[in-house]
Protein backbone atom coordinates (compact mmCIF):
# COMPACT_ATOMS: atom_id res chain seq x y z
CA MET A 1 44.02 39.88 -130.04
CA ASN A 2 45.60 36.79 -128.49
CA LYS A 3 48.36 38.89 -126.90
CA LYS A 4 45.74 41.12 -125.23
CA MET A 5 44.02 38.03 -123.85
CA LYS A 6 47.29 36.77 -122.38
CA ILE A 7 48.00 40.13 -120.76
CA GLY A 8 44.46 40.24 -119.36
CA PHE A 9 44.91 36.73 -117.99
CA TRP A 10 48.25 37.60 -116.39
CA ILE A 11 46.90 40.74 -114.74
CA SER A 12 43.63 39.30 -113.44
CA THR A 13 45.17 36.00 -112.35
CA GLY A 14 48.14 37.81 -110.81
CA LEU A 15 45.90 40.04 -108.70
CA LEU A 16 43.74 37.05 -107.74
CA SER A 17 46.88 35.11 -106.82
CA ALA A 18 48.07 37.95 -104.61
CA MET A 19 44.71 38.07 -102.83
CA MET A 20 44.70 34.32 -102.24
CA LEU A 21 48.31 34.22 -101.05
CA LEU A 22 47.66 37.06 -98.60
CA SER A 23 44.50 35.33 -97.41
CA SER A 24 46.31 32.02 -96.95
CA GLY A 25 49.10 33.78 -95.11
CA MET A 26 46.59 35.31 -92.72
CA TYR A 27 45.06 31.88 -92.10
CA ILE A 28 48.47 30.44 -91.22
CA PHE A 29 50.35 33.28 -89.51
CA ASN A 30 47.45 35.10 -87.83
CA HIS A 31 45.53 31.98 -86.91
CA GLU A 32 44.02 33.13 -83.59
CA THR A 33 42.45 36.28 -85.04
CA ILE A 34 41.09 34.51 -88.12
CA ALA A 35 39.81 31.62 -85.99
CA GLY A 36 37.84 34.14 -83.93
CA LEU A 37 36.33 35.58 -87.10
CA PHE A 38 35.41 32.13 -88.39
CA GLU A 39 33.70 31.35 -85.06
CA SER A 40 31.69 34.56 -85.32
CA TYR A 41 30.53 33.44 -88.78
CA GLY A 42 29.53 30.06 -87.40
CA TYR A 43 32.24 28.14 -89.28
CA PRO A 44 34.50 25.57 -87.62
CA THR A 45 38.08 26.69 -87.11
CA TYR A 46 39.63 23.38 -88.13
CA ILE A 47 39.08 24.24 -91.80
CA LEU A 48 41.56 27.14 -91.76
CA TYR A 49 44.73 25.19 -92.54
CA PRO A 50 43.14 22.96 -95.22
CA LEU A 51 41.50 26.01 -96.79
CA ALA A 52 44.85 27.82 -96.87
CA ALA A 53 46.50 24.80 -98.52
CA LEU A 54 43.69 24.51 -101.06
CA LYS A 55 43.90 28.20 -101.96
CA ILE A 56 47.64 27.92 -102.56
CA SER A 57 47.29 24.75 -104.62
CA GLY A 58 44.36 26.27 -106.54
CA ILE A 59 46.51 29.22 -107.55
CA ALA A 60 49.25 26.84 -108.71
CA VAL A 61 46.69 25.00 -110.82
CA LEU A 62 45.42 28.23 -112.39
CA TRP A 63 48.93 29.09 -113.50
CA PHE A 64 50.36 25.69 -114.41
CA GLY A 65 47.58 23.09 -114.49
CA PRO A 66 45.91 21.36 -117.41
CA ALA A 67 42.62 22.74 -118.70
CA ARG A 68 40.37 20.17 -117.05
CA ILE A 69 41.93 20.67 -113.63
CA LYS A 70 41.75 24.46 -114.07
CA GLU A 71 37.98 24.11 -114.35
CA TRP A 72 37.88 22.50 -110.91
CA ALA A 73 40.07 25.23 -109.43
CA TYR A 74 37.87 27.95 -110.91
CA ALA A 75 34.76 26.21 -109.55
CA GLY A 76 36.29 25.82 -106.09
CA PHE A 77 37.28 29.47 -105.94
CA PHE A 78 33.84 30.49 -107.21
CA PHE A 79 32.06 28.64 -104.41
CA ASN A 80 34.55 29.92 -101.85
CA PHE A 81 34.00 33.54 -102.87
CA ILE A 82 30.21 33.22 -103.02
CA LEU A 83 30.12 31.66 -99.55
CA ALA A 84 32.52 34.30 -98.21
CA PHE A 85 30.41 37.09 -99.68
CA PHE A 86 27.22 35.82 -98.06
CA ALA A 87 28.95 35.02 -94.76
CA HIS A 88 30.14 38.62 -94.51
CA ASN A 89 26.79 39.93 -95.69
CA ASN A 90 24.80 37.86 -93.20
CA ILE A 91 27.00 38.74 -90.24
CA GLY A 92 26.78 42.42 -91.20
CA ASP A 93 30.45 43.29 -90.80
CA GLY A 94 30.64 45.18 -94.10
CA GLU A 95 33.63 43.17 -95.35
CA GLN A 96 31.94 41.56 -98.36
CA GLY A 97 33.78 43.88 -100.74
CA GLY A 98 36.89 41.72 -100.70
CA ALA A 99 34.92 38.64 -101.68
CA ALA A 100 33.14 40.60 -104.42
CA MET A 101 36.48 41.86 -105.78
CA ALA A 102 37.90 38.34 -105.70
CA LEU A 103 34.83 37.11 -107.60
CA ILE A 104 35.28 39.81 -110.25
CA LEU A 105 38.96 38.90 -110.64
CA LEU A 106 38.07 35.21 -110.84
CA ILE A 107 35.50 35.78 -113.58
CA SER A 108 37.97 37.99 -115.46
CA SER A 109 40.70 35.36 -115.16
CA TYR A 110 38.32 32.67 -116.39
CA TYR A 111 37.19 34.79 -119.33
CA PHE A 112 40.73 35.69 -120.43
CA ASN A 113 41.91 32.11 -119.97
CA TYR A 114 39.04 30.88 -122.13
CA LYS A 115 39.75 33.48 -124.83
CA LYS A 116 43.52 33.02 -124.89
CA GLU A 117 43.19 29.27 -125.29
CA ASN A 118 40.76 29.95 -128.16
CA THR A 119 39.08 26.60 -127.53
CA PRO A 120 36.37 25.60 -125.05
CA VAL A 121 37.96 24.67 -121.74
CA ALA A 122 35.27 22.21 -120.63
CA VAL A 123 35.18 19.41 -123.18
CA ALA A 124 33.15 16.35 -122.31
């Protein structure tokens, strides 16, 4: 059972990592296009580079970080995906599917991480 949880974690976190790395790459290498999209959503464009850096560091934490820091990374990604989903939904561009898929992968990664560790991740 523990081996299945590890494989589930690797798959879900790997796919999530790929999505976040592609997203961060778009923020950095296709800055003008993404900045235009952020302006259409009503978000400031100066958050693109910090958001890209935080996504990359969040992925590193999910793979290599201690349990308490992983909780923060999962929470940060959760809020990012929820806000992205509603930003796309409110603007009506029909692109909320990516945010929904990222949210599903995040929840799967969290679940498998919790099960493979076999102990509660958030300990007060």
